[in-house]
mmCIF file of all heavy atoms, coordinates in Angstrom:
data_MODEL
# 
_entry.id   MODEL 
# 
loop_
_atom_site.group_PDB 
_atom_site.id 
_atom_site.type_symbol 
_atom_site.label_atom_id 
_atom_site.label_alt_id 
_atom_site.label_comp_id 
_atom_site.label_asym_id 
_atom_site.label_entity_id 
_atom_site.label_seq_id 
_atom_site.pdbx_PDB_ins_code 
_atom_site.Cartn_x 
_atom_site.Cartn_y 
_atom_site.Cartn_z 
_atom_site.occupancy 
_atom_site.B_iso_or_equiv 
_atom_site.pdbx_formal_charge 
_atom_site.auth_seq_id 
_atom_site.auth_comp_id 
_atom_site.auth_asym_id 
_atom_site.auth_atom_id 
_atom_site.pdbx_PDB_model_num 
ATOM 1   N N   . ASP A 1 1  ? -100.504 67.779 233.425 1.00 0.00 ? 1  ASP A N   1 
ATOM 2   C CA  . ASP A 1 1  ? -101.101 67.188 234.631 1.00 0.00 ? 1  ASP A CA  1 
ATOM 3   C C   . ASP A 1 1  ? -100.465 65.841 234.964 1.00 0.00 ? 1  ASP A C   1 
ATOM 4   O O   . ASP A 1 1  ? -100.211 65.535 236.135 1.00 0.00 ? 1  ASP A O   1 
ATOM 5   C CB  . ASP A 1 1  ? -102.608 67.026 234.449 1.00 0.00 ? 1  ASP A CB  1 
ATOM 6   C CG  . ASP A 1 1  ? -103.344 68.354 234.468 1.00 0.00 ? 1  ASP A CG  1 
ATOM 7   O OD1 . ASP A 1 1  ? -103.055 69.192 233.601 1.00 0.00 ? 1  ASP A OD1 1 
ATOM 8   O OD2 . ASP A 1 1  ? -104.203 68.542 235.342 1.00 0.00 ? 1  ASP A OD2 1 
ATOM 9   N N   . LEU A 1 2  ? -100.210 65.030 233.939 1.00 0.00 ? 2  LEU A N   1 
ATOM 10  C CA  . LEU A 1 2  ? -99.570  63.736 234.149 1.00 0.00 ? 2  LEU A CA  1 
ATOM 11  C C   . LEU A 1 2  ? -98.196  63.912 234.790 1.00 0.00 ? 2  LEU A C   1 
ATOM 12  O O   . LEU A 1 2  ? -97.851  63.215 235.755 1.00 0.00 ? 2  LEU A O   1 
ATOM 13  C CB  . LEU A 1 2  ? -99.430  62.988 232.821 1.00 0.00 ? 2  LEU A CB  1 
ATOM 14  C CG  . LEU A 1 2  ? -98.687  61.659 232.890 1.00 0.00 ? 2  LEU A CG  1 
ATOM 15  C CD1 . LEU A 1 2  ? -99.510  60.612 233.631 1.00 0.00 ? 2  LEU A CD1 1 
ATOM 16  C CD2 . LEU A 1 2  ? -98.327  61.172 231.480 1.00 0.00 ? 2  LEU A CD2 1 
ATOM 17  N N   . PHE A 1 3  ? -97.410  64.853 234.265 1.00 0.00 ? 3  PHE A N   1 
ATOM 18  C CA  . PHE A 1 3  ? -96.065  65.079 234.795 1.00 0.00 ? 3  PHE A CA  1 
ATOM 19  C C   . PHE A 1 3  ? -96.113  65.599 236.231 1.00 0.00 ? 3  PHE A C   1 
ATOM 20  O O   . PHE A 1 3  ? -95.347  65.149 237.098 1.00 0.00 ? 3  PHE A O   1 
ATOM 21  C CB  . PHE A 1 3  ? -95.306  66.059 233.899 1.00 0.00 ? 3  PHE A CB  1 
ATOM 22  C CG  . PHE A 1 3  ? -93.914  66.354 234.381 1.00 0.00 ? 3  PHE A CG  1 
ATOM 23  C CD1 . PHE A 1 3  ? -92.914  65.401 234.288 1.00 0.00 ? 3  PHE A CD1 1 
ATOM 24  C CD2 . PHE A 1 3  ? -93.607  67.588 234.943 1.00 0.00 ? 3  PHE A CD2 1 
ATOM 25  C CE1 . PHE A 1 3  ? -91.619  65.659 234.736 1.00 0.00 ? 3  PHE A CE1 1 
ATOM 26  C CE2 . PHE A 1 3  ? -92.327  67.859 235.401 1.00 0.00 ? 3  PHE A CE2 1 
ATOM 27  C CZ  . PHE A 1 3  ? -91.332  66.888 235.297 1.00 0.00 ? 3  PHE A CZ  1 
ATOM 28  N N   . GLU A 1 4  ? -97.018  66.512 236.497 1.00 0.00 ? 4  GLU A N   1 
ATOM 29  C CA  . GLU A 1 4  ? -97.113  67.064 237.848 1.00 0.00 ? 4  GLU A CA  1 
ATOM 30  C C   . GLU A 1 4  ? -97.557  66.012 238.862 1.00 0.00 ? 4  GLU A C   1 
ATOM 31  O O   . GLU A 1 4  ? -97.134  66.043 240.023 1.00 0.00 ? 4  GLU A O   1 
ATOM 32  C CB  . GLU A 1 4  ? -98.089  68.248 237.859 1.00 0.00 ? 4  GLU A CB  1 
ATOM 33  C CG  . GLU A 1 4  ? -97.568  69.479 237.124 1.00 0.00 ? 4  GLU A CG  1 
ATOM 34  C CD  . GLU A 1 4  ? -98.565  70.630 237.120 1.00 0.00 ? 4  GLU A CD  1 
ATOM 35  O OE1 . GLU A 1 4  ? -99.730  70.398 237.526 1.00 0.00 ? 4  GLU A OE1 1 
ATOM 36  O OE2 . GLU A 1 4  ? -98.188  71.735 236.694 1.00 0.00 ? 4  GLU A OE2 1 
ATOM 37  N N   . TYR A 1 5  ? -98.357  65.058 238.428 1.00 0.00 ? 5  TYR A N   1 
ATOM 38  C CA  . TYR A 1 5  ? -98.896  64.051 239.335 1.00 0.00 ? 5  TYR A CA  1 
ATOM 39  C C   . TYR A 1 5  ? -97.946  62.872 239.529 1.00 0.00 ? 5  TYR A C   1 
ATOM 40  O O   . TYR A 1 5  ? -97.861  62.298 240.623 1.00 0.00 ? 5  TYR A O   1 
ATOM 41  C CB  . TYR A 1 5  ? -100.240 63.549 238.799 1.00 0.00 ? 5  TYR A CB  1 
ATOM 42  C CG  . TYR A 1 5  ? -101.082 62.800 239.802 1.00 0.00 ? 5  TYR A CG  1 
ATOM 43  C CD1 . TYR A 1 5  ? -101.751 63.477 240.819 1.00 0.00 ? 5  TYR A CD1 1 
ATOM 44  C CD2 . TYR A 1 5  ? -101.233 61.418 239.732 1.00 0.00 ? 5  TYR A CD2 1 
ATOM 45  C CE1 . TYR A 1 5  ? -102.542 62.794 241.741 1.00 0.00 ? 5  TYR A CE1 1 
ATOM 46  C CE2 . TYR A 1 5  ? -102.024 60.725 240.646 1.00 0.00 ? 5  TYR A CE2 1 
ATOM 47  C CZ  . TYR A 1 5  ? -102.672 61.423 241.649 1.00 0.00 ? 5  TYR A CZ  1 
ATOM 48  O OH  . TYR A 1 5  ? -103.460 60.741 242.564 1.00 0.00 ? 5  TYR A OH  1 
ATOM 49  N N   . THR A 1 6  ? -97.227  62.488 238.464 1.00 0.00 ? 6  THR A N   1 
ATOM 50  C CA  . THR A 1 6  ? -96.398  61.278 238.519 1.00 0.00 ? 6  THR A CA  1 
ATOM 51  C C   . THR A 1 6  ? -94.902  61.553 238.393 1.00 0.00 ? 6  THR A C   1 
ATOM 52  O O   . THR A 1 6  ? -94.092  60.654 238.661 1.00 0.00 ? 6  THR A O   1 
ATOM 53  C CB  . THR A 1 6  ? -96.774  60.299 237.392 1.00 0.00 ? 6  THR A CB  1 
ATOM 54  O OG1 . THR A 1 6  ? -96.443  60.886 236.121 1.00 0.00 ? 6  THR A OG1 1 
ATOM 55  C CG2 . THR A 1 6  ? -98.268  59.972 237.434 1.00 0.00 ? 6  THR A CG2 1 
ATOM 56  N N   . GLY A 1 7  ? -94.523  62.746 237.936 1.00 0.00 ? 7  GLY A N   1 
ATOM 57  C CA  . GLY A 1 7  ? -93.120  63.022 237.679 1.00 0.00 ? 7  GLY A CA  1 
ATOM 58  C C   . GLY A 1 7  ? -92.617  62.402 236.391 1.00 0.00 ? 7  GLY A C   1 
ATOM 59  O O   . GLY A 1 7  ? -91.413  62.356 236.128 1.00 0.00 ? 7  GLY A O   1 
ATOM 60  N N   . TYR A 1 8  ? -93.533  61.926 235.546 1.00 0.00 ? 8  TYR A N   1 
ATOM 61  C CA  . TYR A 1 8  ? -93.127  61.255 234.300 1.00 0.00 ? 8  TYR A CA  1 
ATOM 62  C C   . TYR A 1 8  ? -93.838  61.872 233.112 1.00 0.00 ? 8  TYR A C   1 
ATOM 63  O O   . TYR A 1 8  ? -95.005  62.220 233.184 1.00 0.00 ? 8  TYR A O   1 
ATOM 64  C CB  . TYR A 1 8  ? -93.469  59.757 234.359 1.00 0.00 ? 8  TYR A CB  1 
ATOM 65  C CG  . TYR A 1 8  ? -92.978  58.990 233.157 1.00 0.00 ? 8  TYR A CG  1 
ATOM 66  C CD1 . TYR A 1 8  ? -91.640  58.643 233.040 1.00 0.00 ? 8  TYR A CD1 1 
ATOM 67  C CD2 . TYR A 1 8  ? -93.849  58.631 232.134 1.00 0.00 ? 8  TYR A CD2 1 
ATOM 68  C CE1 . TYR A 1 8  ? -91.175  57.945 231.928 1.00 0.00 ? 8  TYR A CE1 1 
ATOM 69  C CE2 . TYR A 1 8  ? -93.406  57.924 231.019 1.00 0.00 ? 8  TYR A CE2 1 
ATOM 70  C CZ  . TYR A 1 8  ? -92.062  57.584 230.920 1.00 0.00 ? 8  TYR A CZ  1 
ATOM 71  O OH  . TYR A 1 8  ? -91.608  56.898 229.818 1.00 0.00 ? 8  TYR A OH  1 
ATOM 72  N N   . ARG A 1 9  ? -93.087  61.989 232.023 1.00 0.00 ? 9  ARG A N   1 
ATOM 73  C CA  . ARG A 1 9  ? -93.690  62.371 230.753 1.00 0.00 ? 9  ARG A CA  1 
ATOM 74  C C   . ARG A 1 9  ? -93.134  61.444 229.667 1.00 0.00 ? 9  ARG A C   1 
ATOM 75  O O   . ARG A 1 9  ? -91.944  61.081 229.703 1.00 0.00 ? 9  ARG A O   1 
ATOM 76  C CB  . ARG A 1 9  ? -93.439  63.840 230.411 1.00 0.00 ? 9  ARG A CB  1 
ATOM 77  C CG  . ARG A 1 9  ? -92.025  64.201 230.085 1.00 0.00 ? 9  ARG A CG  1 
ATOM 78  C CD  . ARG A 1 9  ? -91.895  65.648 229.619 1.00 0.00 ? 9  ARG A CD  1 
ATOM 79  N NE  . ARG A 1 9  ? -91.929  66.611 230.700 1.00 0.00 ? 9  ARG A NE  1 
ATOM 80  C CZ  . ARG A 1 9  ? -92.895  67.521 230.830 1.00 0.00 ? 9  ARG A CZ  1 
ATOM 81  N NH1 . ARG A 1 9  ? -93.881  67.563 229.959 1.00 0.00 ? 9  ARG A NH1 1 
ATOM 82  N NH2 . ARG A 1 9  ? -92.856  68.378 231.833 1.00 0.00 ? 9  ARG A NH2 1 
ATOM 83  N N   . PRO A 1 10 ? -93.971  61.002 228.723 1.00 0.00 ? 10 PRO A N   1 
ATOM 84  C CA  . PRO A 1 10 ? -93.500  60.124 227.649 1.00 0.00 ? 10 PRO A CA  1 
ATOM 85  C C   . PRO A 1 10 ? -92.293  60.708 226.928 1.00 0.00 ? 10 PRO A C   1 
ATOM 86  O O   . PRO A 1 10 ? -92.226  61.917 226.694 1.00 0.00 ? 10 PRO A O   1 
ATOM 87  C CB  . PRO A 1 10 ? -94.721  60.031 226.726 1.00 0.00 ? 10 PRO A CB  1 
ATOM 88  C CG  . PRO A 1 10 ? -95.877  60.159 227.674 1.00 0.00 ? 10 PRO A CG  1 
ATOM 89  C CD  . PRO A 1 10 ? -95.433  61.195 228.674 1.00 0.00 ? 10 PRO A CD  1 
ATOM 90  N N   . GLU A 1 11 ? -91.319  59.840 226.576 1.00 0.00 ? 11 GLU A N   1 
ATOM 91  C CA  . GLU A 1 11 ? -90.033  60.341 226.098 1.00 0.00 ? 11 GLU A CA  1 
ATOM 92  C C   . GLU A 1 11 ? -89.465  59.604 224.887 1.00 0.00 ? 11 GLU A C   1 
ATOM 93  O O   . GLU A 1 11 ? -88.468  60.048 224.315 1.00 0.00 ? 11 GLU A O   1 
ATOM 94  C CB  . GLU A 1 11 ? -89.015  60.271 227.241 1.00 0.00 ? 11 GLU A CB  1 
ATOM 95  C CG  . GLU A 1 11 ? -88.833  58.873 227.819 1.00 0.00 ? 11 GLU A CG  1 
ATOM 96  C CD  . GLU A 1 11 ? -88.003  58.858 229.094 1.00 0.00 ? 11 GLU A CD  1 
ATOM 97  O OE1 . GLU A 1 11 ? -87.799  59.938 229.690 1.00 0.00 ? 11 GLU A OE1 1 
ATOM 98  O OE2 . GLU A 1 11 ? -87.547  57.765 229.479 1.00 0.00 ? 11 GLU A OE2 1 
ATOM 99  N N   . VAL A 1 12 ? -90.046  58.476 224.472 1.00 0.00 ? 12 VAL A N   1 
ATOM 100 C CA  . VAL A 1 12 ? -89.476  57.690 223.382 1.00 0.00 ? 12 VAL A CA  1 
ATOM 101 C C   . VAL A 1 12 ? -89.763  58.355 222.032 1.00 0.00 ? 12 VAL A C   1 
ATOM 102 O O   . VAL A 1 12 ? -90.921  58.582 221.674 1.00 0.00 ? 12 VAL A O   1 
ATOM 103 C CB  . VAL A 1 12 ? -90.013  56.247 223.387 1.00 0.00 ? 12 VAL A CB  1 
ATOM 104 C CG1 . VAL A 1 12 ? -89.439  55.453 222.221 1.00 0.00 ? 12 VAL A CG1 1 
ATOM 105 C CG2 . VAL A 1 12 ? -89.675  55.567 224.711 1.00 0.00 ? 12 VAL A CG2 1 
ATOM 106 N N   . ALA A 1 13 ? -88.712  58.666 221.280 1.00 0.00 ? 13 ALA A N   1 
ATOM 107 C CA  . ALA A 1 13 ? -88.844  59.321 219.976 1.00 0.00 ? 13 ALA A CA  1 
ATOM 108 C C   . ALA A 1 13 ? -89.428  58.362 218.949 1.00 0.00 ? 13 ALA A C   1 
ATOM 109 O O   . ALA A 1 13 ? -89.259  57.136 219.041 1.00 0.00 ? 13 ALA A O   1 
ATOM 110 C CB  . ALA A 1 13 ? -87.485  59.826 219.507 1.00 0.00 ? 13 ALA A CB  1 
ATOM 111 N N   . VAL A 1 14 ? -90.099  58.919 217.948 1.00 0.00 ? 14 VAL A N   1 
ATOM 112 C CA  . VAL A 1 14 ? -90.713  58.112 216.896 1.00 0.00 ? 14 VAL A CA  1 
ATOM 113 C C   . VAL A 1 14 ? -89.684  57.247 216.179 1.00 0.00 ? 14 VAL A C   1 
ATOM 114 O O   . VAL A 1 14 ? -89.947  56.081 215.872 1.00 0.00 ? 14 VAL A O   1 
ATOM 115 C CB  . VAL A 1 14 ? -91.473  59.023 215.910 1.00 0.00 ? 14 VAL A CB  1 
ATOM 116 C CG1 . VAL A 1 14 ? -91.723  58.306 214.595 1.00 0.00 ? 14 VAL A CG1 1 
ATOM 117 C CG2 . VAL A 1 14 ? -92.814  59.446 216.512 1.00 0.00 ? 14 VAL A CG2 1 
ATOM 118 N N   . SER A 1 15 ? -88.501  57.786 215.922 1.00 0.00 ? 15 SER A N   1 
ATOM 119 C CA  . SER A 1 15 ? -87.478  57.005 215.229 1.00 0.00 ? 15 SER A CA  1 
ATOM 120 C C   . SER A 1 15 ? -87.105  55.757 216.024 1.00 0.00 ? 15 SER A C   1 
ATOM 121 O O   . SER A 1 15 ? -86.961  54.660 215.472 1.00 0.00 ? 15 SER A O   1 
ATOM 122 C CB  . SER A 1 15 ? -86.233  57.861 214.978 1.00 0.00 ? 15 SER A CB  1 
ATOM 123 O OG  . SER A 1 15 ? -85.717  58.376 216.199 1.00 0.00 ? 15 SER A OG  1 
ATOM 124 N N   . GLU A 1 16 ? -86.967  55.894 217.330 1.00 0.00 ? 16 GLU A N   1 
ATOM 125 C CA  . GLU A 1 16 ? -86.636  54.774 218.201 1.00 0.00 ? 16 GLU A CA  1 
ATOM 126 C C   . GLU A 1 16 ? -87.792  53.784 218.266 1.00 0.00 ? 16 GLU A C   1 
ATOM 127 O O   . GLU A 1 16 ? -87.593  52.566 218.223 1.00 0.00 ? 16 GLU A O   1 
ATOM 128 C CB  . GLU A 1 16 ? -86.298  55.301 219.592 1.00 0.00 ? 16 GLU A CB  1 
ATOM 129 C CG  . GLU A 1 16 ? -85.894  54.241 220.593 1.00 0.00 ? 16 GLU A CG  1 
ATOM 130 C CD  . GLU A 1 16 ? -85.622  54.808 221.975 1.00 0.00 ? 16 GLU A CD  1 
ATOM 131 O OE1 . GLU A 1 16 ? -85.543  56.046 222.108 1.00 0.00 ? 16 GLU A OE1 1 
ATOM 132 O OE2 . GLU A 1 16 ? -85.503  54.011 222.928 1.00 0.00 ? 16 GLU A OE2 1 
ATOM 133 N N   . GLY A 1 17 ? -89.001  54.301 218.389 1.00 0.00 ? 17 GLY A N   1 
ATOM 134 C CA  . GLY A 1 17 ? -90.167  53.437 218.505 1.00 0.00 ? 17 GLY A CA  1 
ATOM 135 C C   . GLY A 1 17 ? -90.436  52.631 217.245 1.00 0.00 ? 17 GLY A C   1 
ATOM 136 O O   . GLY A 1 17 ? -90.748  51.435 217.318 1.00 0.00 ? 17 GLY A O   1 
ATOM 137 N N   . ILE A 1 18 ? -90.328  53.269 216.087 1.00 0.00 ? 18 ILE A N   1 
ATOM 138 C CA  . ILE A 1 18 ? -90.553  52.558 214.821 1.00 0.00 ? 18 ILE A CA  1 
ATOM 139 C C   . ILE A 1 18 ? -89.475  51.507 214.608 1.00 0.00 ? 18 ILE A C   1 
ATOM 140 O O   . ILE A 1 18 ? -89.754  50.396 214.129 1.00 0.00 ? 18 ILE A O   1 
ATOM 141 C CB  . ILE A 1 18 ? -90.621  53.549 213.642 1.00 0.00 ? 18 ILE A CB  1 
ATOM 142 C CG1 . ILE A 1 18 ? -91.909  54.381 213.732 1.00 0.00 ? 18 ILE A CG1 1 
ATOM 143 C CG2 . ILE A 1 18 ? -90.568  52.804 212.304 1.00 0.00 ? 18 ILE A CG2 1 
ATOM 144 C CD1 . ILE A 1 18 ? -92.087  55.384 212.615 1.00 0.00 ? 18 ILE A CD1 1 
ATOM 145 N N   . ALA A 1 19 ? -88.237  51.818 214.970 1.00 0.00 ? 19 ALA A N   1 
ATOM 146 C CA  . ALA A 1 19 ? -87.155  50.835 214.841 1.00 0.00 ? 19 ALA A CA  1 
ATOM 147 C C   . ALA A 1 19 ? -87.458  49.592 215.674 1.00 0.00 ? 19 ALA A C   1 
ATOM 148 O O   . ALA A 1 19 ? -87.245  48.454 215.227 1.00 0.00 ? 19 ALA A O   1 
ATOM 149 C CB  . ALA A 1 19 ? -85.829  51.457 215.264 1.00 0.00 ? 19 ALA A CB  1 
ATOM 150 N N   . ALA A 1 20 ? -87.957  49.787 216.891 1.00 0.00 ? 20 ALA A N   1 
ATOM 151 C CA  . ALA A 1 20 ? -88.293  48.656 217.753 1.00 0.00 ? 20 ALA A CA  1 
ATOM 152 C C   . ALA A 1 20 ? -89.441  47.845 217.163 1.00 0.00 ? 20 ALA A C   1 
ATOM 153 O O   . ALA A 1 20 ? -89.439  46.605 217.200 1.00 0.00 ? 20 ALA A O   1 
ATOM 154 C CB  . ALA A 1 20 ? -88.649  49.149 219.149 1.00 0.00 ? 20 ALA A CB  1 
ATOM 155 N N   . PHE A 1 21 ? -90.445  48.546 216.611 1.00 0.00 ? 21 PHE A N   1 
ATOM 156 C CA  . PHE A 1 21 ? -91.562  47.850 215.989 1.00 0.00 ? 21 PHE A CA  1 
ATOM 157 C C   . PHE A 1 21 ? -91.102  47.021 214.800 1.00 0.00 ? 21 PHE A C   1 
ATOM 158 O O   . PHE A 1 21 ? -91.482  45.847 214.665 1.00 0.00 ? 21 PHE A O   1 
ATOM 159 C CB  . PHE A 1 21 ? -92.643  48.831 215.529 1.00 0.00 ? 21 PHE A CB  1 
ATOM 160 C CG  . PHE A 1 21 ? -93.693  48.197 214.657 1.00 0.00 ? 21 PHE A CG  1 
ATOM 161 C CD1 . PHE A 1 21 ? -94.734  47.475 215.219 1.00 0.00 ? 21 PHE A CD1 1 
ATOM 162 C CD2 . PHE A 1 21 ? -93.613  48.281 213.275 1.00 0.00 ? 21 PHE A CD2 1 
ATOM 163 C CE1 . PHE A 1 21 ? -95.691  46.850 214.421 1.00 0.00 ? 21 PHE A CE1 1 
ATOM 164 C CE2 . PHE A 1 21 ? -94.564  47.666 212.463 1.00 0.00 ? 21 PHE A CE2 1 
ATOM 165 C CZ  . PHE A 1 21 ? -95.609  46.957 213.040 1.00 0.00 ? 21 PHE A CZ  1 
ATOM 166 N N   . VAL A 1 22 ? -90.281  47.603 213.930 1.00 0.00 ? 22 VAL A N   1 
ATOM 167 C CA  . VAL A 1 22 ? -89.818  46.909 212.730 1.00 0.00 ? 22 VAL A CA  1 
ATOM 168 C C   . VAL A 1 22 ? -88.998  45.677 213.101 1.00 0.00 ? 22 VAL A C   1 
ATOM 169 O O   . VAL A 1 22 ? -89.129  44.614 212.482 1.00 0.00 ? 22 VAL A O   1 
ATOM 170 C CB  . VAL A 1 22 ? -89.020  47.862 211.824 1.00 0.00 ? 22 VAL A CB  1 
ATOM 171 C CG1 . VAL A 1 22 ? -88.287  47.091 210.721 1.00 0.00 ? 22 VAL A CG1 1 
ATOM 172 C CG2 . VAL A 1 22 ? -89.950  48.895 211.198 1.00 0.00 ? 22 VAL A CG2 1 
ATOM 173 N N   . SER A 1 23 ? -88.164  45.800 214.120 1.00 0.00 ? 23 SER A N   1 
ATOM 174 C CA  . SER A 1 23 ? -87.369  44.656 214.571 1.00 0.00 ? 23 SER A CA  1 
ATOM 175 C C   . SER A 1 23 ? -88.276  43.513 215.015 1.00 0.00 ? 23 SER A C   1 
ATOM 176 O O   . SER A 1 23 ? -88.067  42.349 214.638 1.00 0.00 ? 23 SER A O   1 
ATOM 177 C CB  . SER A 1 23 ? -86.455  45.091 215.723 1.00 0.00 ? 23 SER A CB  1 
ATOM 178 O OG  . SER A 1 23 ? -85.731  43.995 216.234 1.00 0.00 ? 23 SER A OG  1 
ATOM 179 N N   . TRP A 1 24 ? -89.319  43.839 215.814 1.00 0.00 ? 24 TRP A N   1 
ATOM 180 C CA  . TRP A 1 24 ? -90.263  42.811 216.234 1.00 0.00 ? 24 TRP A CA  1 
ATOM 181 C C   . TRP A 1 24 ? -91.032  42.256 215.044 1.00 0.00 ? 24 TRP A C   1 
ATOM 182 O O   . TRP A 1 24 ? -91.200  41.030 214.912 1.00 0.00 ? 24 TRP A O   1 
ATOM 183 C CB  . TRP A 1 24 ? -91.266  43.382 217.245 1.00 0.00 ? 24 TRP A CB  1 
ATOM 184 C CG  . TRP A 1 24 ? -92.430  42.463 217.453 1.00 0.00 ? 24 TRP A CG  1 
ATOM 185 C CD1 . TRP A 1 24 ? -92.473  41.342 218.232 1.00 0.00 ? 24 TRP A CD1 1 
ATOM 186 C CD2 . TRP A 1 24 ? -93.707  42.534 216.795 1.00 0.00 ? 24 TRP A CD2 1 
ATOM 187 N NE1 . TRP A 1 24 ? -93.697  40.726 218.121 1.00 0.00 ? 24 TRP A NE1 1 
ATOM 188 C CE2 . TRP A 1 24 ? -94.467  41.437 217.246 1.00 0.00 ? 24 TRP A CE2 1 
ATOM 189 C CE3 . TRP A 1 24 ? -94.271  43.432 215.881 1.00 0.00 ? 24 TRP A CE3 1 
ATOM 190 C CZ2 . TRP A 1 24 ? -95.779  41.210 216.804 1.00 0.00 ? 24 TRP A CZ2 1 
ATOM 191 C CZ3 . TRP A 1 24 ? -95.576  43.208 215.439 1.00 0.00 ? 24 TRP A CZ3 1 
ATOM 192 C CH2 . TRP A 1 24 ? -96.312  42.106 215.901 1.00 0.00 ? 24 TRP A CH2 1 
# 
Protein backbone atom coordinates (compact mmCIF):
# COMPACT_ATOMS: atom_id res chain seq x y z
CA ASP A 1 0.00 0.00 0.00
CA LEU A 2 2.85 2.39 0.82
CA PHE A 3 4.49 1.77 -2.56
CA GLU A 4 1.24 2.14 -4.49
CA TYR A 5 0.43 5.41 -2.71
CA THR A 6 3.87 7.07 -2.68
CA GLY A 7 5.97 5.21 -5.25
CA TYR A 8 8.53 4.46 -2.52
CA ARG A 9 9.54 1.35 -0.65
CA PRO A 10 12.29 1.15 2.01
CA GLU A 11 15.56 0.03 0.41
CA VAL A 12 18.55 0.38 2.79
CA ALA A 13 20.13 -3.02 3.53
CA VAL A 14 20.93 -4.03 7.11
CA SER A 15 24.65 -4.20 6.35
CA GLU A 16 24.63 -0.59 5.12
CA GLY A 17 22.46 0.62 7.98
CA ILE A 18 24.53 -1.02 10.73
CA ALA A 19 27.73 0.36 9.20
CA ALA A 20 26.27 3.88 9.34
CA PHE A 21 25.17 3.37 12.94
CA VAL A 22 28.59 2.07 14.02
CA SER A 23 30.35 4.99 12.35
CA TRP A 24 28.14 7.45 14.24
